[in-house]
Every structure is written in structure tokens, then in C-alpha cells.
Amino acid sequence: MNCLIIAAGHGSRLRDLSPSKPLTPVAGVALIEHVISAAAVGGATRFTVVTGHEAARVEAFLEELAGRLDVAIETVRTADWDLPNGHSVLSGAERIAGDYLLMMSDHLFEPAIVERLIAAGSGGAGVVLAVDRDLANPLLDMDDATKVETGEGGRILAIGKTLARFDAIDTGIFLATPALADAIRAAIAMGGAGSLSEGMQMLADEGQAMSFDIKGGRWLDVDDPAALAKAESMMAGSTGNAA
């Protein structure tokens, strides 16, 4: 199973602690190494990483990591990493044939989430998003989280950071088909900025976006110093590279 990882952004909220968010250490291990290791344990076999900010450093690290972990890692530089994250998805998806996992370089997670998502499959949908329905999860930053409203059978009805009505949180872990990149391109053609959420909403409006309940699986968006502190605490004593 191919895995596309977005690692192009500036990571401005962690800039004072680390010049490169993907390379920010958590329990002595770079964030992106945690992501790749956990995804590999969960069933990913090949990786495409989209780089941008601090690209040379990230790419050099990934070259070393590929040899150390004995996994295939291809890097692709996005043309403009100031653009919304959907543009990074497009840059990477061009190199992948068929379905693929889509992840963020700054989200820690248990490998079992990925394993169960792969086993569930797309079910004919254009994209399946792993969601956390535990809105009381103390690891969540509800102010910054991307919210998800779901309907019958887990169908995604709406997605975005400012939803007033929602029943789940976006974990940043997707099982995508080529339809996702097509939807992002369509959103851009209609005047959208090119965010991943815009593409997701287009698929949702077409009934082609489904949710997958992680059912208590642990994950964490490491996006600011407070979240980094939570990550360090969560990983303390851990024997693996996963949440």
C-alpha cells in the first residue's frame, strides 16, 4: 500500500523550537520518522513524501531513514509550499497509481488505526477519513481541530475547522482513491484555494466521502508547543515509534 505524506509547510507555531516541523524530535525521534515507522507497521509498504520548507534537510534525513528502515521513500518538492495543503496532495498523487494512504507529517498515531483502515477498504467511496468520535479526548485541540459532520452509515456531510455542528474530528489519516485529487483540481477550477478540505467537501457533496471510526485509537496532532509537550509525555516509556 502506497502512503503519501505531506511535509511541506512552514510549521510556524513550532518555529521557535524547531526550524523544520517534520524533523522536530519527540522522545528523541523525528516526527516524520514516527509517522513512517507507524504507517509501515500498519501496512504501508512504499512512501511518497511531499517536501517544501527546509526541503533539503528533510530529504537528506529521509534518504538516510530509507536505508536505516529498509523502506522505499520517494520525495517530491511542491512548487509553492505557501499554497494550501491540497496542492501538496496533487504534487504527490501524480506519482502514485491507484489507491493510497494519505497522512500528515506531524500526526502521531497507533499503527492499528492504519491496519484497520486498510482492512476496511474504500468500499467504493472516493475517500475514507479516519475520525475520532471521542470529543472529550483530552489530547484534542478543539479550537484548531478540523471538524466532521457525519450522517447515516458514516457518510461525511461536512468538514471544516469552523463547523457549528459536528460529531467527529479529522485525524489526518485517509484512505484515498484518485477521486480525491480530481476533486481538489475541480475545487481549484471553481475558484477554490486548493485545500484538502475543499476537495473532501466536494466528494462529500457527491456522497463519495466516508468516515472510519478509530474507536479509541490514540493519535495526536503535534502542531504547537503545547501539543509537543503532550507528545513527549505520551511517548515517554513507549517501546515503539507510534502513539
C-alpha atoms as a PDB file:
ATOM      1  CA  MET A   1       0.000   0.000   0.000  1.00  0.00           C
ATOM      2  CA  ASN A   2       1.409   3.374  -1.060  1.00  0.00           C
ATOM      3  CA  CYS A   3       1.465   6.148   1.529  1.00  0.00           C
ATOM      4  CA  LEU A   4       1.552   9.854   0.686  1.00  0.00           C
ATOM      5  CA  ILE A   5       2.820  12.140   3.457  1.00  0.00           C
ATOM      6  CA  ILE A   6       2.502  15.926   3.383  1.00  0.00           C
ATOM      7  CA  ALA A   7       5.637  17.543   4.840  1.00  0.00           C
ATOM      8  CA  ALA A   8       5.879  20.859   3.004  1.00  0.00           C
ATOM      9  CA  GLY A   9       4.519  23.545   5.331  1.00  0.00           C
ATOM     10  CA  HIS A  10       6.348  26.134   7.399  1.00  0.00           C
ATOM     11  CA  GLY A  11       5.299  24.789  10.794  1.00  0.00           C
ATOM     12  CA  SER A  12       5.224  28.343  12.081  1.00  0.00           C
ATOM     13  CA  ARG A  13       3.831  27.520  15.527  1.00  0.00           C
ATOM     14  CA  LEU A  14       6.795  25.258  16.282  1.00  0.00           C
ATOM     15  CA  ARG A  15       9.380  27.525  14.653  1.00  0.00           C
ATOM     16  CA  ASP A  16      10.851  28.721  17.966  1.00  0.00           C
ATOM     17  CA  LEU A  17      11.556  25.111  18.942  1.00  0.00           C
ATOM     18  CA  SER A  18      12.489  23.616  15.587  1.00  0.00           C
ATOM     19  CA  PRO A  19      13.181  25.100  12.133  1.00  0.00           C
ATOM     20  CA  SER A  20      11.568  22.058  10.475  1.00  0.00           C
ATOM     21  CA  LYS A  21       8.346  20.596  11.867  1.00  0.00           C
ATOM     22  CA  PRO A  22       8.845  17.128  10.271  1.00  0.00           C
ATOM     23  CA  LEU A  23      12.282  16.906  11.884  1.00  0.00           C
ATOM     24  CA  THR A  24      11.124  18.081  15.313  1.00  0.00           C
ATOM     25  CA  PRO A  25      12.236  15.463  17.839  1.00  0.00           C
ATOM     26  CA  VAL A  26       9.670  13.699  20.008  1.00  0.00           C
ATOM     27  CA  ALA A  27      11.245  11.408  22.593  1.00  0.00           C
ATOM     28  CA  GLY A  28      14.470  11.731  20.616  1.00  0.00           C
ATOM     29  CA  VAL A  29      12.944  10.675  17.285  1.00  0.00           C
ATOM     30  CA  ALA A  30      11.935  12.979  14.432  1.00  0.00           C
ATOM     31  CA  LEU A  31       8.187  13.414  13.999  1.00  0.00           C
ATOM     32  CA  ILE A  32       8.255  12.160  10.429  1.00  0.00           C
ATOM     33  CA  GLU A  33      10.158   9.037  11.487  1.00  0.00           C
ATOM     34  CA  HIS A  34       7.414   8.271  13.989  1.00  0.00           C
ATOM     35  CA  VAL A  35       4.857   8.684  11.182  1.00  0.00           C
ATOM     36  CA  ILE A  36       6.680   6.487   8.677  1.00  0.00           C
ATOM     37  CA  SER A  37       7.507   3.795  11.222  1.00  0.00           C
ATOM     38  CA  ALA A  38       3.919   3.587  12.495  1.00  0.00           C
ATOM     39  CA  ALA A  39       2.491   3.566   8.968  1.00  0.00           C
ATOM     40  CA  ALA A  40       4.885   0.797   7.942  1.00  0.00           C
ATOM     41  CA  VAL A  41       3.880  -1.327  10.921  1.00  0.00           C
ATOM     42  CA  GLY A  42       0.249  -0.668   9.983  1.00  0.00           C
ATOM     43  CA  GLY A  43       0.724  -1.933   6.429  1.00  0.00           C
ATOM     44  CA  ALA A  44       2.200   0.842   4.280  1.00  0.00           C
ATOM     45  CA  THR A  45       4.929  -0.523   2.022  1.00  0.00           C
ATOM     46  CA  ARG A  46       6.073   2.475  -0.015  1.00  0.00           C
ATOM     47  CA  PHE A  47       6.195   6.183   0.793  1.00  0.00           C
ATOM     48  CA  THR A  48       5.962   9.407  -1.200  1.00  0.00           C
ATOM     49  CA  VAL A  49       6.788  12.483   0.871  1.00  0.00           C
ATOM     50  CA  VAL A  50       5.980  15.974  -0.409  1.00  0.00           C
ATOM     51  CA  THR A  51       8.562  18.498   0.788  1.00  0.00           C
ATOM     52  CA  GLY A  52       8.797  22.282   0.639  1.00  0.00           C
ATOM     53  CA  HIS A  53      10.047  24.322   3.599  1.00  0.00           C
ATOM     54  CA  GLU A  54      13.531  23.132   4.638  1.00  0.00           C
ATOM     55  CA  ALA A  55      13.254  20.613   1.773  1.00  0.00           C
ATOM     56  CA  ALA A  56      16.955  19.796   1.509  1.00  0.00           C
ATOM     57  CA  ARG A  57      17.244  18.899   5.198  1.00  0.00           C
ATOM     58  CA  VAL A  58      14.064  16.831   5.184  1.00  0.00           C
ATOM     59  CA  GLU A  59      15.061  14.997   2.000  1.00  0.00           C
ATOM     60  CA  ALA A  60      18.539  14.215   3.347  1.00  0.00           C
ATOM     61  CA  PHE A  61      17.005  12.818   6.520  1.00  0.00           C
ATOM     62  CA  LEU A  62      14.533  10.693   4.552  1.00  0.00           C
ATOM     63  CA  GLU A  63      17.288   9.279   2.360  1.00  0.00           C
ATOM     64  CA  GLU A  64      19.111   8.115   5.484  1.00  0.00           C
ATOM     65  CA  LEU A  65      15.884   6.848   7.036  1.00  0.00           C
ATOM     66  CA  ALA A  66      15.001   4.777   3.974  1.00  0.00           C
ATOM     67  CA  GLY A  67      18.269   2.893   4.293  1.00  0.00           C
ATOM     68  CA  ARG A  68      18.002   2.509   8.048  1.00  0.00           C
ATOM     69  CA  LEU A  69      14.409   1.201   7.978  1.00  0.00           C
ATOM     70  CA  ASP A  70      14.769  -0.590   4.625  1.00  0.00           C
ATOM     71  CA  VAL A  71      11.679   1.085   3.174  1.00  0.00           C
ATOM     72  CA  ALA A  72      11.141   2.806  -0.173  1.00  0.00           C
ATOM     73  CA  ILE A  73      10.814   6.580   0.283  1.00  0.00           C
ATOM     74  CA  GLU A  74      10.456   8.929  -2.684  1.00  0.00           C
ATOM     75  CA  THR A  75      10.466  12.696  -2.176  1.00  0.00           C
ATOM     76  CA  VAL A  76       8.677  15.270  -4.313  1.00  0.00           C
ATOM     77  CA  ARG A  77       9.096  19.026  -3.891  1.00  0.00           C
ATOM     78  CA  THR A  78       5.928  21.035  -4.236  1.00  0.00           C
ATOM     79  CA  ALA A  79       6.286  24.196  -6.298  1.00  0.00           C
ATOM     80  CA  ASP A  80       4.893  26.606  -3.692  1.00  0.00           C
ATOM     81  CA  TRP A  81       4.543  25.435  -0.097  1.00  0.00           C
ATOM     82  CA  ASP A  82       2.735  28.637   0.862  1.00  0.00           C
ATOM     83  CA  LEU A  83      -0.307  27.331  -1.031  1.00  0.00           C
ATOM     84  CA  PRO A  84      -2.999  25.287   0.795  1.00  0.00           C
ATOM     85  CA  ASN A  85      -2.262  21.641   1.533  1.00  0.00           C
ATOM     86  CA  GLY A  86      -4.332  20.305  -1.340  1.00  0.00           C
ATOM     87  CA  HIS A  87      -1.575  21.437  -3.699  1.00  0.00           C
ATOM     88  CA  SER A  88       0.833  19.159  -1.833  1.00  0.00           C
ATOM     89  CA  VAL A  89      -1.631  16.304  -2.272  1.00  0.00           C
ATOM     90  CA  LEU A  90      -1.692  16.971  -6.009  1.00  0.00           C
ATOM     91  CA  SER A  91       2.113  17.050  -6.205  1.00  0.00           C
ATOM     92  CA  GLY A  92       2.401  13.669  -4.545  1.00  0.00           C
ATOM     93  CA  ALA A  93      -0.631  11.958  -6.051  1.00  0.00           C
ATOM     94  CA  GLU A  94       0.827  12.434  -9.535  1.00  0.00           C
ATOM     95  CA  ARG A  95       3.486   9.855  -8.601  1.00  0.00           C
ATOM     96  CA  ILE A  96       1.042   7.232  -7.304  1.00  0.00           C
ATOM     97  CA  ALA A  97      -1.150   4.842  -9.256  1.00  0.00           C
ATOM     98  CA  GLY A  98      -4.312   3.576  -7.610  1.00  0.00           C
ATOM     99  CA  ASP A  99      -5.432   3.934  -4.012  1.00  0.00           C
ATOM    100  CA  TYR A 100      -3.119   5.199  -1.287  1.00  0.00           C
ATOM    101  CA  LEU A 101      -2.915   6.227   2.330  1.00  0.00           C
ATOM    102  CA  LEU A 102      -2.679   9.964   2.940  1.00  0.00           C
ATOM    103  CA  MET A 103      -1.126  11.315   6.141  1.00  0.00           C
ATOM    104  CA  MET A 104       0.319  14.435   7.700  1.00  0.00           C
ATOM    105  CA  SER A 105       3.971  14.580   8.786  1.00  0.00           C
ATOM    106  CA  ASP A 106       3.049  15.910  12.237  1.00  0.00           C
ATOM    107  CA  HIS A 107       0.386  13.437  13.415  1.00  0.00           C
ATOM    108  CA  LEU A 108       1.341  10.649  15.786  1.00  0.00           C
ATOM    109  CA  PHE A 109      -0.895   7.578  15.753  1.00  0.00           C
ATOM    110  CA  GLU A 110      -1.159   3.922  16.654  1.00  0.00           C
ATOM    111  CA  PRO A 111      -0.294   1.540  13.789  1.00  0.00           C
ATOM    112  CA  ALA A 112      -3.526  -0.351  14.470  1.00  0.00           C
ATOM    113  CA  ILE A 113      -5.529   2.605  13.127  1.00  0.00           C
ATOM    114  CA  VAL A 114      -3.822   2.253   9.756  1.00  0.00           C
ATOM    115  CA  GLU A 115      -4.082  -1.527   9.783  1.00  0.00           C
ATOM    116  CA  ARG A 116      -7.834  -1.410  10.395  1.00  0.00           C
ATOM    117  CA  LEU A 117      -8.363   1.345   7.823  1.00  0.00           C
ATOM    118  CA  ILE A 118      -6.575  -0.663   5.137  1.00  0.00           C
ATOM    119  CA  ALA A 119      -8.566  -3.769   6.055  1.00  0.00           C
ATOM    120  CA  ALA A 120     -11.846  -1.854   5.832  1.00  0.00           C
ATOM    121  CA  GLY A 121     -11.004  -0.582   2.342  1.00  0.00           C
ATOM    122  CA  SER A 122     -12.691   2.207   0.439  1.00  0.00           C
ATOM    123  CA  GLY A 123     -15.982   0.379  -0.041  1.00  0.00           C
ATOM    124  CA  GLY A 124     -16.402   2.124  -3.382  1.00  0.00           C
ATOM    125  CA  ALA A 125     -16.102   5.625  -1.911  1.00  0.00           C
ATOM    126  CA  GLY A 126     -13.755   8.241  -3.314  1.00  0.00           C
ATOM    127  CA  VAL A 127     -12.089   8.728   0.061  1.00  0.00           C
ATOM    128  CA  VAL A 128     -12.351   7.348   3.594  1.00  0.00           C
ATOM    129  CA  LEU A 129     -11.261   9.526   6.512  1.00  0.00           C
ATOM    130  CA  ALA A 130     -10.315   8.083   9.894  1.00  0.00           C
ATOM    131  CA  VAL A 131     -12.207  10.103  12.508  1.00  0.00           C
ATOM    132  CA  ASP A 132     -12.180  10.371  16.293  1.00  0.00           C
ATOM    133  CA  ARG A 133     -15.706  10.436  17.749  1.00  0.00           C
ATOM    134  CA  ASP A 134     -14.479  10.962  21.314  1.00  0.00           C
ATOM    135  CA  LEU A 135     -14.990  14.711  21.511  1.00  0.00           C
ATOM    136  CA  ALA A 136     -13.878  14.657  25.150  1.00  0.00           C
ATOM    137  CA  ASN A 137     -10.458  13.262  24.215  1.00  0.00           C
ATOM    138  CA  PRO A 138      -8.000  15.352  26.300  1.00  0.00           C
ATOM    139  CA  LEU A 139      -5.416  15.214  23.508  1.00  0.00           C
ATOM    140  CA  LEU A 140      -7.669  17.201  21.160  1.00  0.00           C
ATOM    141  CA  ASP A 141      -7.196  20.905  20.494  1.00  0.00           C
ATOM    142  CA  MET A 142     -10.798  21.697  19.670  1.00  0.00           C
ATOM    143  CA  ASP A 143     -10.032  25.277  18.650  1.00  0.00           C
ATOM    144  CA  ASP A 144      -7.694  24.122  15.880  1.00  0.00           C
ATOM    145  CA  ALA A 145      -9.190  20.710  15.024  1.00  0.00           C
ATOM    146  CA  THR A 146     -10.848  20.042  11.686  1.00  0.00           C
ATOM    147  CA  LYS A 147     -14.423  19.083  12.492  1.00  0.00           C
ATOM    148  CA  VAL A 148     -16.506  16.491  10.671  1.00  0.00           C
ATOM    149  CA  GLU A 149     -20.267  16.076  10.492  1.00  0.00           C
ATOM    150  CA  THR A 150     -21.355  12.565   9.563  1.00  0.00           C
ATOM    151  CA  GLY A 151     -24.659  11.039   8.585  1.00  0.00           C
ATOM    152  CA  GLU A 152     -26.214   7.657   8.024  1.00  0.00           C
ATOM    153  CA  GLY A 153     -23.726   4.848   7.554  1.00  0.00           C
ATOM    154  CA  GLY A 154     -20.782   7.102   8.369  1.00  0.00           C
ATOM    155  CA  ARG A 155     -21.148   9.231   5.268  1.00  0.00           C
ATOM    156  CA  ILE A 156     -19.352  12.586   5.629  1.00  0.00           C
ATOM    157  CA  LEU A 157     -21.732  15.505   5.243  1.00  0.00           C
ATOM    158  CA  ALA A 158     -19.450  18.437   6.044  1.00  0.00           C
ATOM    159  CA  ILE A 159     -15.844  19.076   7.011  1.00  0.00           C
ATOM    160  CA  GLY A 160     -14.004  22.193   8.166  1.00  0.00           C
ATOM    161  CA  LYS A 161     -12.437  23.976  11.134  1.00  0.00           C
ATOM    162  CA  THR A 162     -15.418  26.250  11.762  1.00  0.00           C
ATOM    163  CA  LEU A 163     -18.349  23.833  11.650  1.00  0.00           C
ATOM    164  CA  ALA A 164     -21.002  24.656  14.234  1.00  0.00           C
ATOM    165  CA  ARG A 165     -22.451  21.139  14.087  1.00  0.00           C
ATOM    166  CA  PHE A 166     -20.128  18.138  14.129  1.00  0.00           C
ATOM    167  CA  ASP A 167     -19.811  14.711  15.696  1.00  0.00           C
ATOM    168  CA  ALA A 168     -16.218  13.727  14.905  1.00  0.00           C
ATOM    169  CA  ILE A 169     -12.705  15.071  14.446  1.00  0.00           C
ATOM    170  CA  ASP A 170     -10.446  14.612  11.414  1.00  0.00           C
ATOM    171  CA  THR A 171      -7.351  12.569  12.421  1.00  0.00           C
ATOM    172  CA  GLY A 172      -5.430  13.427   9.248  1.00  0.00           C
ATOM    173  CA  ILE A 173      -5.328   9.762   8.170  1.00  0.00           C
ATOM    174  CA  PHE A 174      -7.089   8.958   4.885  1.00  0.00           C
ATOM    175  CA  LEU A 175      -7.557   6.062   2.505  1.00  0.00           C
ATOM    176  CA  ALA A 176      -7.737   7.909  -0.801  1.00  0.00           C
ATOM    177  CA  THR A 177      -8.550   6.979  -4.363  1.00  0.00           C
ATOM    178  CA  PRO A 178      -7.649   9.053  -7.448  1.00  0.00           C
ATOM    179  CA  ALA A 179     -11.041  10.745  -6.982  1.00  0.00           C
ATOM    180  CA  LEU A 180      -9.581  12.875  -4.171  1.00  0.00           C
ATOM    181  CA  ALA A 181      -7.012  14.581  -6.399  1.00  0.00           C
ATOM    182  CA  ASP A 182      -9.676  15.025  -9.089  1.00  0.00           C
ATOM    183  CA  ALA A 183     -11.920  16.744  -6.538  1.00  0.00           C
ATOM    184  CA  ILE A 184      -9.146  19.092  -5.403  1.00  0.00           C
ATOM    185  CA  ARG A 185      -8.460  20.051  -9.032  1.00  0.00           C
ATOM    186  CA  ALA A 186     -12.184  20.619  -9.578  1.00  0.00           C
ATOM    187  CA  ALA A 187     -12.359  22.845  -6.485  1.00  0.00           C
ATOM    188  CA  ILE A 188      -9.450  24.942  -7.792  1.00  0.00           C
ATOM    189  CA  ALA A 189     -11.104  25.221 -11.203  1.00  0.00           C
ATOM    190  CA  MET A 190     -14.214  26.568  -9.470  1.00  0.00           C
ATOM    191  CA  GLY A 191     -12.211  29.284  -7.737  1.00  0.00           C
ATOM    192  CA  GLY A 192     -11.214  27.474  -4.560  1.00  0.00           C
ATOM    193  CA  ALA A 193      -7.855  27.942  -2.873  1.00  0.00           C
ATOM    194  CA  GLY A 194      -6.947  24.293  -3.262  1.00  0.00           C
ATOM    195  CA  SER A 195      -7.218  22.985   0.279  1.00  0.00           C
ATOM    196  CA  LEU A 196      -7.630  19.323   1.097  1.00  0.00           C
ATOM    197  CA  SER A 197     -10.856  20.155   2.929  1.00  0.00           C
ATOM    198  CA  GLU A 198     -12.295  21.728  -0.251  1.00  0.00           C
ATOM    199  CA  GLY A 199     -11.666  18.510  -2.152  1.00  0.00           C
ATOM    200  CA  MET A 200     -13.141  16.493   0.696  1.00  0.00           C
ATOM    201  CA  GLN A 201     -16.250  18.665   0.746  1.00  0.00           C
ATOM    202  CA  MET A 202     -16.745  18.198  -2.992  1.00  0.00           C
ATOM    203  CA  LEU A 203     -16.631  14.434  -2.547  1.00  0.00           C
ATOM    204  CA  ALA A 204     -18.924  14.700   0.480  1.00  0.00           C
ATOM    205  CA  ASP A 205     -21.464  16.648  -1.580  1.00  0.00           C
ATOM    206  CA  GLU A 206     -21.367  13.826  -4.121  1.00  0.00           C
ATOM    207  CA  GLY A 207     -21.839  11.155  -1.450  1.00  0.00           C
ATOM    208  CA  GLN A 208     -18.316   9.885  -2.079  1.00  0.00           C
ATOM    209  CA  ALA A 209     -16.655  10.668   1.277  1.00  0.00           C
ATOM    210  CA  MET A 210     -16.970   8.197   4.142  1.00  0.00           C
ATOM    211  CA  SER A 211     -15.725   8.156   7.724  1.00  0.00           C
ATOM    212  CA  PHE A 212     -13.928   5.392   9.582  1.00  0.00           C
ATOM    213  CA  ASP A 213     -14.274   5.356  13.378  1.00  0.00           C
ATOM    214  CA  ILE A 214     -10.908   4.819  15.102  1.00  0.00           C
ATOM    215  CA  LYS A 215     -12.818   3.620  18.201  1.00  0.00           C
ATOM    216  CA  GLY A 216     -10.492   4.850  20.901  1.00  0.00           C
ATOM    217  CA  GLY A 217      -7.272   4.575  18.939  1.00  0.00           C
ATOM    218  CA  ARG A 218      -4.654   7.063  20.111  1.00  0.00           C
ATOM    219  CA  TRP A 219      -3.419   9.874  17.878  1.00  0.00           C
ATOM    220  CA  LEU A 220      -2.180  13.432  18.281  1.00  0.00           C
ATOM    221  CA  ASP A 221      -1.724  16.439  16.004  1.00  0.00           C
ATOM    222  CA  VAL A 222       1.649  17.895  17.059  1.00  0.00           C
ATOM    223  CA  ASP A 223       1.102  21.433  15.868  1.00  0.00           C
ATOM    224  CA  ASP A 224       2.314  23.735  18.654  1.00  0.00           C
ATOM    225  CA  PRO A 225       4.445  23.703  21.831  1.00  0.00           C
ATOM    226  CA  ALA A 226       1.531  22.539  23.992  1.00  0.00           C
ATOM    227  CA  ALA A 227       0.866  19.582  21.699  1.00  0.00           C
ATOM    228  CA  LEU A 228       4.590  18.805  21.570  1.00  0.00           C
ATOM    229  CA  ALA A 229       4.634  18.610  25.361  1.00  0.00           C
ATOM    230  CA  LYS A 230       1.669  16.206  25.234  1.00  0.00           C
ATOM    231  CA  ALA A 231       3.517  14.135  22.633  1.00  0.00           C
ATOM    232  CA  GLU A 232       6.629  13.898  24.797  1.00  0.00           C
ATOM    233  CA  SER A 233       4.504  12.761  27.724  1.00  0.00           C
ATOM    234  CA  MET A 234       2.575  10.291  25.590  1.00  0.00           C
ATOM    235  CA  MET A 235       5.737   8.770  24.145  1.00  0.00           C
ATOM    236  CA  ALA A 236       7.542   8.533  27.490  1.00  0.00           C
ATOM    237  CA  GLY A 237       8.270   4.903  28.143  1.00  0.00           C
ATOM    238  CA  SER A 238       6.940   3.837  24.736  1.00  0.00           C
ATOM    239  CA  THR A 239       8.813   0.986  23.093  1.00  0.00           C
ATOM    240  CA  GLY A 240       7.790   1.845  19.546  1.00  0.00           C
ATOM    241  CA  ASN A 241       7.597   4.761  17.164  1.00  0.00           C
ATOM    242  CA  ALA A 242       3.845   5.188  17.437  1.00  0.00           C
ATOM    243  CA  ALA A 243       1.383   6.879  19.692  1.00  0.00           C
END
